[in-house]
Amino acid sequence: MVSAINFKRDAYVYAEVEETLKRLSDRGILLGTLSDVAYGMDNVYALEDISAVIKYIDYPFTSNDVGYRKPCAEGLKLLAEKMQISAAEMVFVGDGEKDIMCAMNAGVYSVLINRSDNVKNYGQDKEISSLDELLTMI
């Protein structure tokens, strides 16, 4: 007997995300994503999670697109190549240790978004509590 396993987590877009991405995009800033997906999961499911804001994302990538999961640097290297910029010109925002490690491995400026009161020190270059804080950084 074969049983199906559902790896999909509940995902949602925080209130400030759409306006922040719109304003960054309006400034001409290229935007990309790098999301890990479960092995064998189609990108459709991962991109469905961000369907409300996908119109602002120039390069929506997942681990399927690059063949590696974070913290491997290959995904950010691919994003830099597609954007025609150097890794040093990028900012990568993530909410977990593997996101920060991925940025560090690729030579990318790392921003931890920490929406809790818990101290999280993964070696990030900057910590924010809401995505709209990027608007004053960039």
N, C-alpha and C. Protein backbone atom coordinates (compact mmCIF):
# COMPACT_ATOMS: atom_id res chain seq x y z
N MET A 1 0.84 -1.18 0.00
CA MET A 1 0.00 0.00 0.00
C MET A 1 0.88 1.24 0.00
N VAL A 2 0.53 2.22 -0.80
CA VAL A 2 1.26 3.48 -0.89
C VAL A 2 0.38 4.56 -0.27
N SER A 3 0.97 5.35 0.59
CA SER A 3 0.21 6.45 1.16
C SER A 3 0.86 7.76 0.76
N ALA A 4 0.05 8.76 0.60
CA ALA A 4 0.54 10.08 0.24
C ALA A 4 0.93 10.83 1.50
N ILE A 5 2.00 11.57 1.40
CA ILE A 5 2.46 12.40 2.51
C ILE A 5 2.36 13.85 2.07
N ASN A 6 1.74 14.65 2.86
CA ASN A 6 1.59 16.05 2.53
C ASN A 6 2.67 16.85 3.25
N PHE A 7 3.58 17.45 2.47
CA PHE A 7 4.66 18.24 3.04
C PHE A 7 4.32 19.72 3.09
N LYS A 8 3.22 20.11 2.51
CA LYS A 8 2.89 21.52 2.39
C LYS A 8 2.54 22.11 3.75
N ARG A 9 3.21 23.21 4.09
CA ARG A 9 2.90 23.94 5.32
C ARG A 9 1.91 25.04 4.98
N ASP A 10 1.18 25.47 5.99
CA ASP A 10 0.32 26.62 5.78
C ASP A 10 1.22 27.84 5.60
N ALA A 11 0.97 28.58 4.55
CA ALA A 11 1.77 29.77 4.28
C ALA A 11 0.83 30.94 4.03
N TYR A 12 1.29 32.12 4.40
CA TYR A 12 0.51 33.31 4.13
C TYR A 12 1.45 34.48 3.98
N VAL A 13 0.94 35.52 3.37
CA VAL A 13 1.71 36.72 3.12
C VAL A 13 1.37 37.73 4.22
N TYR A 14 2.38 38.22 4.92
CA TYR A 14 2.17 39.20 5.98
C TYR A 14 1.63 40.51 5.40
N ALA A 15 0.94 41.27 6.23
CA ALA A 15 0.21 42.46 5.80
C ALA A 15 1.06 43.47 5.04
N GLU A 16 2.30 43.68 5.47
CA GLU A 16 3.12 44.73 4.86
C GLU A 16 3.87 44.30 3.60
N VAL A 17 3.82 43.02 3.28
CA VAL A 17 4.66 42.48 2.22
C VAL A 17 4.30 43.04 0.85
N GLU A 18 3.03 43.01 0.47
CA GLU A 18 2.66 43.45 -0.87
C GLU A 18 3.06 44.90 -1.12
N GLU A 19 2.73 45.78 -0.20
CA GLU A 19 3.07 47.20 -0.38
C GLU A 19 4.59 47.40 -0.42
N THR A 20 5.32 46.67 0.40
CA THR A 20 6.78 46.78 0.41
C THR A 20 7.36 46.33 -0.92
N LEU A 21 6.91 45.18 -1.42
CA LEU A 21 7.42 44.69 -2.70
C LEU A 21 7.05 45.63 -3.83
N LYS A 22 5.85 46.17 -3.80
CA LYS A 22 5.42 47.14 -4.82
C LYS A 22 6.33 48.36 -4.82
N ARG A 23 6.60 48.89 -3.64
CA ARG A 23 7.43 50.09 -3.55
C ARG A 23 8.88 49.82 -3.98
N LEU A 24 9.41 48.65 -3.62
CA LEU A 24 10.76 48.30 -4.07
C LEU A 24 10.79 48.13 -5.59
N SER A 25 9.80 47.46 -6.12
CA SER A 25 9.70 47.27 -7.57
C SER A 25 9.56 48.61 -8.29
N ASP A 26 8.75 49.51 -7.74
CA ASP A 26 8.58 50.85 -8.32
C ASP A 26 9.89 51.63 -8.36
N ARG A 27 10.81 51.31 -7.45
CA ARG A 27 12.13 51.95 -7.43
C ARG A 27 13.09 51.32 -8.44
N GLY A 28 12.63 50.30 -9.15
CA GLY A 28 13.47 49.64 -10.13
C GLY A 28 14.36 48.55 -9.55
N ILE A 29 14.08 48.14 -8.35
CA ILE A 29 14.88 47.10 -7.70
C ILE A 29 14.36 45.74 -8.15
N LEU A 30 15.25 44.92 -8.69
CA LEU A 30 14.88 43.58 -9.10
C LEU A 30 14.65 42.72 -7.87
N LEU A 31 13.61 41.91 -7.92
CA LEU A 31 13.24 41.09 -6.78
C LEU A 31 13.20 39.61 -7.19
N GLY A 32 13.70 38.79 -6.30
CA GLY A 32 13.69 37.35 -6.54
C GLY A 32 13.39 36.62 -5.26
N THR A 33 13.01 35.37 -5.40
CA THR A 33 12.79 34.51 -4.24
C THR A 33 13.62 33.26 -4.40
N LEU A 34 13.95 32.66 -3.30
CA LEU A 34 14.61 31.36 -3.29
C LEU A 34 13.98 30.57 -2.15
N SER A 35 13.10 29.67 -2.51
CA SER A 35 12.36 28.88 -1.53
C SER A 35 12.74 27.42 -1.66
N ASP A 36 12.98 26.79 -0.54
CA ASP A 36 13.17 25.34 -0.55
C ASP A 36 11.81 24.67 -0.66
N VAL A 37 11.76 23.65 -1.48
CA VAL A 37 10.54 22.85 -1.57
C VAL A 37 10.91 21.41 -1.25
N ALA A 38 9.94 20.66 -0.81
CA ALA A 38 10.18 19.25 -0.51
C ALA A 38 10.59 18.53 -1.79
N TYR A 39 11.49 17.58 -1.67
CA TYR A 39 11.92 16.82 -2.83
C TYR A 39 10.71 16.21 -3.52
N GLY A 40 10.64 16.39 -4.82
CA GLY A 40 9.54 15.83 -5.59
C GLY A 40 8.32 16.74 -5.67
N MET A 41 8.31 17.83 -4.91
CA MET A 41 7.18 18.75 -4.96
C MET A 41 7.34 19.67 -6.16
N ASP A 42 6.27 19.88 -6.85
CA ASP A 42 6.26 20.75 -8.02
C ASP A 42 6.34 22.22 -7.58
N ASN A 43 6.98 23.05 -8.40
CA ASN A 43 7.06 24.48 -8.10
C ASN A 43 5.70 25.15 -7.98
N VAL A 44 4.71 24.59 -8.64
CA VAL A 44 3.38 25.19 -8.62
C VAL A 44 2.91 25.42 -7.18
N TYR A 45 3.16 24.47 -6.31
CA TYR A 45 2.71 24.59 -4.93
C TYR A 45 3.44 25.71 -4.20
N ALA A 46 4.74 25.79 -4.40
CA ALA A 46 5.51 26.83 -3.72
C ALA A 46 5.14 28.22 -4.23
N LEU A 47 4.94 28.34 -5.52
CA LEU A 47 4.61 29.64 -6.10
C LEU A 47 3.17 30.03 -5.79
N GLU A 48 2.33 29.06 -5.58
CA GLU A 48 0.95 29.32 -5.19
C GLU A 48 0.91 30.06 -3.85
N ASP A 49 1.85 29.75 -2.98
CA ASP A 49 1.91 30.40 -1.67
C ASP A 49 2.14 31.90 -1.77
N ILE A 50 2.80 32.33 -2.85
CA ILE A 50 3.10 33.76 -3.00
C ILE A 50 2.31 34.37 -4.16
N SER A 51 1.21 33.73 -4.55
CA SER A 51 0.44 34.19 -5.70
C SER A 51 -0.04 35.64 -5.55
N ALA A 52 -0.29 36.09 -4.34
CA ALA A 52 -0.78 37.45 -4.12
C ALA A 52 0.28 38.51 -4.47
N VAL A 53 1.54 38.12 -4.45
CA VAL A 53 2.61 39.10 -4.69
C VAL A 53 3.53 38.72 -5.85
N ILE A 54 3.25 37.63 -6.53
CA ILE A 54 4.14 37.14 -7.59
C ILE A 54 4.35 38.18 -8.68
N LYS A 55 3.39 39.05 -8.89
CA LYS A 55 3.50 40.08 -9.93
C LYS A 55 4.68 41.02 -9.69
N TYR A 56 5.18 41.09 -8.46
CA TYR A 56 6.31 41.95 -8.14
C TYR A 56 7.65 41.22 -8.18
N ILE A 57 7.61 39.91 -8.30
CA ILE A 57 8.82 39.09 -8.24
C ILE A 57 9.33 38.84 -9.66
N ASP A 58 10.51 39.33 -9.95
CA ASP A 58 11.11 39.15 -11.27
C ASP A 58 11.64 37.74 -11.48
N TYR A 59 12.16 37.15 -10.42
CA TYR A 59 12.79 35.83 -10.49
C TYR A 59 12.33 34.95 -9.33
N PRO A 60 11.20 34.28 -9.49
CA PRO A 60 10.71 33.40 -8.42
C PRO A 60 11.32 32.00 -8.54
N PHE A 61 12.37 31.74 -7.80
CA PHE A 61 13.06 30.46 -7.87
C PHE A 61 12.80 29.60 -6.65
N THR A 62 12.89 28.31 -6.88
CA THR A 62 12.83 27.35 -5.79
C THR A 62 14.05 26.44 -5.89
N SER A 63 14.20 25.60 -4.90
CA SER A 63 15.31 24.64 -4.92
C SER A 63 15.21 23.71 -6.13
N ASN A 64 14.02 23.50 -6.66
CA ASN A 64 13.88 22.71 -7.89
C ASN A 64 14.59 23.36 -9.06
N ASP A 65 14.55 24.68 -9.13
CA ASP A 65 15.16 25.40 -10.25
C ASP A 65 16.67 25.32 -10.23
N VAL A 66 17.25 25.24 -9.04
CA VAL A 66 18.71 25.27 -8.93
C VAL A 66 19.32 23.91 -8.62
N GLY A 67 18.49 22.97 -8.19
CA GLY A 67 18.99 21.63 -7.90
C GLY A 67 19.63 21.47 -6.54
N TYR A 68 19.57 22.50 -5.73
CA TYR A 68 20.16 22.47 -4.39
C TYR A 68 19.24 23.18 -3.43
N ARG A 69 19.28 22.77 -2.19
CA ARG A 69 18.52 23.43 -1.13
C ARG A 69 19.47 24.34 -0.34
N LYS A 70 18.89 25.33 0.31
CA LYS A 70 19.67 26.19 1.19
C LYS A 70 20.22 25.34 2.34
N PRO A 71 21.39 25.57 2.80
CA PRO A 71 22.22 26.77 2.70
C PRO A 71 23.21 26.79 1.54
N CYS A 72 23.06 25.87 0.58
CA CYS A 72 23.95 25.89 -0.59
C CYS A 72 23.80 27.24 -1.30
N ALA A 73 24.90 27.81 -1.73
CA ALA A 73 24.93 29.14 -2.32
C ALA A 73 24.47 29.18 -3.77
N GLU A 74 24.29 28.04 -4.41
CA GLU A 74 24.00 28.01 -5.85
C GLU A 74 22.76 28.79 -6.23
N GLY A 75 21.72 28.76 -5.40
CA GLY A 75 20.49 29.48 -5.72
C GLY A 75 20.70 30.98 -5.79
N LEU A 76 21.44 31.52 -4.85
CA LEU A 76 21.70 32.97 -4.87
C LEU A 76 22.67 33.34 -5.99
N LYS A 77 23.58 32.44 -6.30
CA LYS A 77 24.48 32.69 -7.44
C LYS A 77 23.68 32.75 -8.74
N LEU A 78 22.70 31.85 -8.89
CA LEU A 78 21.84 31.86 -10.07
C LEU A 78 21.02 33.14 -10.13
N LEU A 79 20.47 33.57 -9.01
CA LEU A 79 19.72 34.82 -8.99
C LEU A 79 20.59 36.00 -9.41
N ALA A 80 21.80 36.06 -8.89
CA ALA A 80 22.71 37.15 -9.26
C ALA A 80 23.01 37.12 -10.76
N GLU A 81 23.23 35.93 -11.27
CA GLU A 81 23.52 35.79 -12.71
C GLU A 81 22.32 36.26 -13.54
N LYS A 82 21.13 35.82 -13.18
CA LYS A 82 19.93 36.21 -13.92
C LYS A 82 19.68 37.72 -13.83
N MET A 83 19.97 38.31 -12.68
CA MET A 83 19.78 39.74 -12.48
C MET A 83 20.93 40.57 -13.07
N GLN A 84 21.98 39.88 -13.48
CA GLN A 84 23.18 40.52 -14.04
C GLN A 84 23.81 41.49 -13.05
N ILE A 85 23.94 41.01 -11.81
CA ILE A 85 24.61 41.78 -10.77
C ILE A 85 25.56 40.85 -10.03
N SER A 86 26.41 41.43 -9.22
CA SER A 86 27.29 40.59 -8.40
C SER A 86 26.58 40.23 -7.10
N ALA A 87 27.03 39.17 -6.49
CA ALA A 87 26.46 38.75 -5.20
C ALA A 87 26.59 39.87 -4.17
N ALA A 88 27.66 40.63 -4.23
CA ALA A 88 27.89 41.72 -3.28
C ALA A 88 26.85 42.83 -3.40
N GLU A 89 26.11 42.87 -4.52
CA GLU A 89 25.08 43.89 -4.72
C GLU A 89 23.71 43.42 -4.25
N MET A 90 23.63 42.19 -3.78
CA MET A 90 22.35 41.61 -3.38
C MET A 90 22.11 41.72 -1.88
N VAL A 91 20.83 41.69 -1.53
CA VAL A 91 20.38 41.58 -0.15
C VAL A 91 19.44 40.38 -0.11
N PHE A 92 19.67 39.46 0.82
CA PHE A 92 18.80 38.30 0.94
C PHE A 92 18.14 38.32 2.30
N VAL A 93 16.82 38.32 2.31
CA VAL A 93 16.04 38.35 3.53
C VAL A 93 15.49 36.96 3.79
N GLY A 94 15.68 36.48 5.00
CA GLY A 94 15.15 35.18 5.37
C GLY A 94 14.80 35.14 6.83
N ASP A 95 14.06 34.11 7.20
CA ASP A 95 13.62 34.02 8.60
C ASP A 95 14.25 32.87 9.37
N GLY A 96 15.22 32.20 8.75
CA GLY A 96 15.82 31.07 9.43
C GLY A 96 17.33 31.02 9.28
N GLU A 97 17.94 30.17 10.08
CA GLU A 97 19.39 30.04 10.07
C GLU A 97 19.92 29.63 8.70
N LYS A 98 19.22 28.71 8.02
CA LYS A 98 19.73 28.27 6.72
C LYS A 98 19.66 29.38 5.68
N ASP A 99 18.73 30.34 5.84
CA ASP A 99 18.68 31.49 4.94
C ASP A 99 19.92 32.37 5.12
N ILE A 100 20.26 32.62 6.36
CA ILE A 100 21.43 33.46 6.65
C ILE A 100 22.71 32.75 6.21
N MET A 101 22.80 31.47 6.48
CA MET A 101 23.97 30.70 6.05
C MET A 101 24.09 30.70 4.52
N CYS A 102 22.97 30.59 3.83
CA CYS A 102 22.96 30.62 2.36
C CYS A 102 23.54 31.94 1.87
N ALA A 103 23.06 33.05 2.44
CA ALA A 103 23.56 34.36 2.05
C ALA A 103 25.05 34.48 2.33
N MET A 104 25.46 34.05 3.50
CA MET A 104 26.87 34.13 3.87
C MET A 104 27.73 33.28 2.91
N ASN A 105 27.25 32.09 2.58
CA ASN A 105 27.98 31.20 1.67
C ASN A 105 28.13 31.80 0.27
N ALA A 106 27.18 32.65 -0.11
CA ALA A 106 27.20 33.26 -1.44
C ALA A 106 27.85 34.64 -1.45
N GLY A 107 28.22 35.17 -0.29
CA GLY A 107 28.79 36.51 -0.24
C GLY A 107 27.75 37.60 -0.42
N VAL A 108 26.52 37.32 0.03
CA VAL A 108 25.38 38.23 -0.11
C VAL A 108 25.08 38.85 1.26
N TYR A 109 24.68 40.11 1.29
CA TYR A 109 24.29 40.79 2.52
C TYR A 109 23.05 40.10 3.08
N SER A 110 23.12 39.67 4.33
CA SER A 110 22.05 38.87 4.91
C SER A 110 21.21 39.68 5.89
N VAL A 111 19.89 39.55 5.75
CA VAL A 111 18.96 40.22 6.64
C VAL A 111 18.03 39.17 7.22
N LEU A 112 18.04 39.07 8.53
CA LEU A 112 17.13 38.16 9.23
C LEU A 112 15.86 38.91 9.56
N ILE A 113 14.73 38.38 9.13
CA ILE A 113 13.45 38.93 9.56
C ILE A 113 12.98 38.10 10.74
N ASN A 114 12.96 38.73 11.88
CA ASN A 114 12.63 38.07 13.14
C ASN A 114 11.37 38.72 13.69
N ARG A 115 10.26 38.05 13.53
CA ARG A 115 8.97 38.59 13.95
C ARG A 115 8.62 38.21 15.39
N SER A 116 9.58 37.71 16.12
CA SER A 116 9.34 37.29 17.51
C SER A 116 10.24 38.10 18.44
N ASP A 117 10.08 37.87 19.73
CA ASP A 117 10.94 38.51 20.72
C ASP A 117 12.16 37.65 21.04
N ASN A 118 12.26 36.50 20.42
CA ASN A 118 13.39 35.60 20.67
C ASN A 118 14.66 36.14 20.03
N VAL A 119 15.76 36.01 20.74
CA VAL A 119 17.06 36.41 20.20
C VAL A 119 17.51 35.33 19.22
N LYS A 120 17.83 35.76 18.01
CA LYS A 120 18.31 34.84 16.98
C LYS A 120 19.58 35.43 16.39
N ASN A 121 20.69 34.83 16.70
CA ASN A 121 21.95 35.31 16.18
C ASN A 121 22.58 34.22 15.31
N TYR A 122 22.40 34.38 14.02
CA TYR A 122 22.94 33.42 13.05
C TYR A 122 24.12 34.01 12.28
N GLY A 123 24.58 35.18 12.70
CA GLY A 123 25.66 35.84 11.99
C GLY A 123 25.16 36.80 10.92
N GLN A 124 23.88 37.14 10.95
CA GLN A 124 23.27 38.02 9.96
C GLN A 124 23.91 39.41 10.00
N ASP A 125 23.87 40.07 8.85
CA ASP A 125 24.39 41.43 8.77
C ASP A 125 23.43 42.44 9.39
N LYS A 126 22.15 42.15 9.30
CA LYS A 126 21.12 43.07 9.80
C LYS A 126 19.93 42.24 10.25
N GLU A 127 19.18 42.76 11.21
CA GLU A 127 17.95 42.11 11.65
C GLU A 127 16.81 43.12 11.60
N ILE A 128 15.68 42.68 11.08
CA ILE A 128 14.48 43.51 11.02
C ILE A 128 13.32 42.71 11.60
N SER A 129 12.24 43.41 11.95
CA SER A 129 11.08 42.70 12.48
C SER A 129 9.89 42.77 11.53
N SER A 130 10.01 43.57 10.48
CA SER A 130 8.94 43.71 9.49
C SER A 130 9.59 44.03 8.14
N LEU A 131 9.05 43.48 7.08
CA LEU A 131 9.68 43.64 5.77
C LEU A 131 9.75 45.10 5.33
N ASP A 132 8.80 45.91 5.75
CA ASP A 132 8.81 47.31 5.33
C ASP A 132 10.02 48.09 5.84
N GLU A 133 10.75 47.53 6.79
CA GLU A 133 11.99 48.16 7.25
C GLU A 133 13.03 48.20 6.13
N LEU A 134 12.88 47.36 5.13
CA LEU A 134 13.80 47.39 3.98
C LEU A 134 13.73 48.73 3.25
N LEU A 135 12.58 49.36 3.27
CA LEU A 135 12.40 50.61 2.54
C LEU A 135 13.33 51.71 3.03
N THR A 136 13.71 51.67 4.29
CA THR A 136 14.64 52.68 4.81
C THR A 136 16.09 52.23 4.63
N MET A 137 16.30 50.95 4.36
CA MET A 137 17.66 50.42 4.17
C MET A 137 18.12 50.60 2.72
N ILE A 138 17.19 50.48 1.80
CA ILE A 138 17.55 50.42 0.37
C ILE A 138 17.12 51.69 -0.31
